[in-house]
C-alpha atoms as a PDB file:
ATOM      1  CA  UNK A   1     -15.735  -5.581 -19.670  1.00  0.00           C
ATOM      2  CA  UNK A   2     -13.784  -2.695 -18.133  1.00  0.00           C
ATOM      3  CA  UNK A   3     -10.226  -2.308 -19.470  1.00  0.00           C
ATOM      4  CA  UNK A   4      -7.618  -3.197 -16.832  1.00  0.00           C
ATOM      5  CA  UNK A   5      -6.114   0.322 -16.853  1.00  0.00           C
ATOM      6  CA  UNK A   6      -9.501   1.653 -15.697  1.00  0.00           C
ATOM      7  CA  UNK A   7      -9.641  -0.654 -12.688  1.00  0.00           C
ATOM      8  CA  UNK A   8      -8.435   0.394  -9.264  1.00  0.00           C
ATOM      9  CA  UNK A   9      -5.779  -1.858  -7.777  1.00  0.00           C
ATOM     10  CA  UNK A  10      -6.933  -2.424  -4.209  1.00  0.00           C
ATOM     11  CA  UNK A  11      -4.526  -2.306  -1.253  1.00  0.00           C
ATOM     12  CA  UNK A  12      -5.022  -5.972  -0.380  1.00  0.00           C
ATOM     13  CA  UNK A  13      -4.443  -9.286  -2.097  1.00  0.00           C
ATOM     14  CA  UNK A  14      -6.875 -12.014  -2.899  1.00  0.00           C
ATOM     15  CA  UNK A  15      -6.397 -15.740  -2.577  1.00  0.00           C
ATOM     16  CA  UNK A  16      -2.880 -16.934  -3.299  1.00  0.00           C
ATOM     17  CA  UNK A  17      -1.603 -13.342  -3.179  1.00  0.00           C
ATOM     18  CA  UNK A  18      -3.272 -12.362  -6.437  1.00  0.00           C
ATOM     19  CA  UNK A  19      -4.129  -8.670  -6.918  1.00  0.00           C
ATOM     20  CA  UNK A  20      -7.681  -7.436  -6.358  1.00  0.00           C
ATOM     21  CA  UNK A  21      -9.250  -4.768  -8.548  1.00  0.00           C
ATOM     22  CA  UNK A  22     -12.321  -2.560  -8.251  1.00  0.00           C
ATOM     23  CA  UNK A  23     -14.383  -1.452 -11.220  1.00  0.00           C
ATOM     24  CA  UNK A  24     -16.453   1.598 -10.319  1.00  0.00           C
ATOM     25  CA  UNK A  25     -16.810   5.277 -11.096  1.00  0.00           C
ATOM     26  CA  UNK A  26     -18.097   5.945  -7.579  1.00  0.00           C
ATOM     27  CA  UNK A  27     -15.144   7.280  -5.545  1.00  0.00           C
ATOM     28  CA  UNK A  28     -17.509   7.590  -2.562  1.00  0.00           C
ATOM     29  CA  UNK A  29     -18.677   3.979  -2.664  1.00  0.00           C
ATOM     30  CA  UNK A  30     -18.115   1.693   0.302  1.00  0.00           C
ATOM     31  CA  UNK A  31     -15.217  -0.299  -1.216  1.00  0.00           C
ATOM     32  CA  UNK A  32     -13.529   2.855  -2.543  1.00  0.00           C
ATOM     33  CA  UNK A  33     -13.678   4.480   0.904  1.00  0.00           C
ATOM     34  CA  UNK A  34     -12.492   1.283   2.566  1.00  0.00           C
ATOM     35  CA  UNK A  35      -9.532   1.111   0.173  1.00  0.00           C
ATOM     36  CA  UNK A  36      -8.724   4.794   0.830  1.00  0.00           C
ATOM     37  CA  UNK A  37      -8.766   4.169   4.592  1.00  0.00           C
ATOM     38  CA  UNK A  38      -6.576   1.072   4.343  1.00  0.00           C
ATOM     39  CA  UNK A  39      -4.101   2.941   2.132  1.00  0.00           C
ATOM     40  CA  UNK A  40      -3.925   5.726   4.725  1.00  0.00           C
ATOM     41  CA  UNK A  41      -3.174   3.184   7.465  1.00  0.00           C
ATOM     42  CA  UNK A  42      -0.549   1.475   5.308  1.00  0.00           C
ATOM     43  CA  UNK A  43       1.178   4.778   4.525  1.00  0.00           C
ATOM     44  CA  UNK A  44       1.098   5.735   8.209  1.00  0.00           C
ATOM     45  CA  UNK A  45       2.624   2.406   9.186  1.00  0.00           C
ATOM     46  CA  UNK A  46       5.387   2.855   6.605  1.00  0.00           C
ATOM     47  CA  UNK A  47       6.147   6.336   7.963  1.00  0.00           C
ATOM     48  CA  UNK A  48       6.328   5.010  11.533  1.00  0.00           C
ATOM     49  CA  UNK A  49       8.677   2.200  10.496  1.00  0.00           C
ATOM     50  CA  UNK A  50      10.929   4.650   8.664  1.00  0.00           C
ATOM     51  CA  UNK A  51      11.106   6.750  11.799  1.00  0.00           C
ATOM     52  CA  UNK A  52      11.900   3.722  13.966  1.00  0.00           C
ATOM     53  CA  UNK A  53      14.424   2.047  11.629  1.00  0.00           C
ATOM     54  CA  UNK A  54      17.426   4.372  12.173  1.00  0.00           C
ATOM     55  CA  UNK A  55      17.107   4.016  15.945  1.00  0.00           C
ATOM     56  CA  UNK A  56      16.969   0.229  15.775  1.00  0.00           C
ATOM     57  CA  UNK A  57      19.718  -0.070  13.183  1.00  0.00           C
ATOM     58  CA  UNK A  58      21.933   2.410  15.025  1.00  0.00           C
ATOM     59  CA  UNK A  59      21.787   0.477  18.288  1.00  0.00           C
ATOM     60  CA  UNK A  60      24.715  -1.943  18.440  1.00  0.00           C
ATOM     61  CA  UNK A  61      22.888  -3.961  21.097  1.00  0.00           C
ATOM     62  CA  UNK A  62      19.833  -4.656  18.925  1.00  0.00           C
ATOM     63  CA  UNK A  63      18.915  -8.323  19.053  1.00  0.00           C
ATOM     64  CA  UNK A  64      19.200 -10.174  15.694  1.00  0.00           C
ATOM     65  CA  UNK A  65      15.577 -11.308  16.017  1.00  0.00           C
ATOM     66  CA  UNK A  66      14.510  -7.684  16.356  1.00  0.00           C
ATOM     67  CA  UNK A  67      16.497  -6.800  13.217  1.00  0.00           C
ATOM     68  CA  UNK A  68      14.798  -9.632  11.293  1.00  0.00           C
ATOM     69  CA  UNK A  69      11.386  -8.464  12.514  1.00  0.00           C
ATOM     70  CA  UNK A  70      12.142  -4.881  11.448  1.00  0.00           C
ATOM     71  CA  UNK A  71      13.376  -6.086   8.056  1.00  0.00           C
ATOM     72  CA  UNK A  72      10.186  -8.067   7.482  1.00  0.00           C
ATOM     73  CA  UNK A  73       8.018  -5.135   8.563  1.00  0.00           C
ATOM     74  CA  UNK A  74       9.927  -2.764   6.263  1.00  0.00           C
ATOM     75  CA  UNK A  75       9.597  -5.202   3.340  1.00  0.00           C
ATOM     76  CA  UNK A  76       5.848  -5.538   3.983  1.00  0.00           C
ATOM     77  CA  UNK A  77       5.483  -1.749   4.179  1.00  0.00           C
ATOM     78  CA  UNK A  78       7.470  -1.300   0.965  1.00  0.00           C
ATOM     79  CA  UNK A  79       5.203  -3.816  -0.789  1.00  0.00           C
ATOM     80  CA  UNK A  80       2.130  -1.904   0.411  1.00  0.00           C
ATOM     81  CA  UNK A  81       3.503   1.494  -0.628  1.00  0.00           C
ATOM     82  CA  UNK A  82       4.527   0.145  -4.035  1.00  0.00           C
ATOM     83  CA  UNK A  83       1.006  -1.231  -4.540  1.00  0.00           C
ATOM     84  CA  UNK A  84      -0.489   2.158  -3.595  1.00  0.00           C
ATOM     85  CA  UNK A  85       1.889   3.968  -5.974  1.00  0.00           C
ATOM     86  CA  UNK A  86       1.053   1.531  -8.769  1.00  0.00           C
ATOM     87  CA  UNK A  87      -2.668   1.944  -8.143  1.00  0.00           C
ATOM     88  CA  UNK A  88      -2.489   5.727  -8.129  1.00  0.00           C
ATOM     89  CA  UNK A  89      -0.259   5.762 -11.199  1.00  0.00           C
ATOM     90  CA  UNK A  90      -2.748   3.560 -13.037  1.00  0.00           C
ATOM     91  CA  UNK A  91      -5.591   5.875 -12.053  1.00  0.00           C
ATOM     92  CA  UNK A  92      -3.653   8.936 -13.220  1.00  0.00           C
ATOM     93  CA  UNK A  93      -2.940   7.319 -16.577  1.00  0.00           C
ATOM     94  CA  UNK A  94      -6.678   7.008 -17.174  1.00  0.00           C
ATOM     95  CA  UNK A  95      -6.842  10.798 -17.137  1.00  0.00           C
ATOM     96  CA  UNK A  96      -9.552  11.450 -14.560  1.00  0.00           C
ATOM     97  CA  UNK A  97      -8.332  14.346 -12.395  1.00  0.00           C
ATOM     98  CA  UNK A  98     -10.550  13.128  -9.513  1.00  0.00           C
ATOM     99  CA  UNK A  99      -8.582   9.862  -9.233  1.00  0.00           C
ATOM    100  CA  UNK A 100      -5.422  10.715  -7.365  1.00  0.00           C
END
């Protein structure tokens, strides 16, 4: 069995919100590429939300429902970015310079 610190934490959750892991040395495999692409989308979404947030928060006429929606989106983006950071940190701790 592969030690947990050698598994890649994937950027999505399984049933009941449990983490999903990938055990492979093939960084060009289908699931690895899919995870890379999803991470890129998640990071892009987080960047867009960070750009939008000051405008929305700075507008005194912003509807409370819009503020709640933005807060939820920011929390979701933060969760995704934290998962990506955790995954990449775990990969770096394994010591393979190809896993960044």
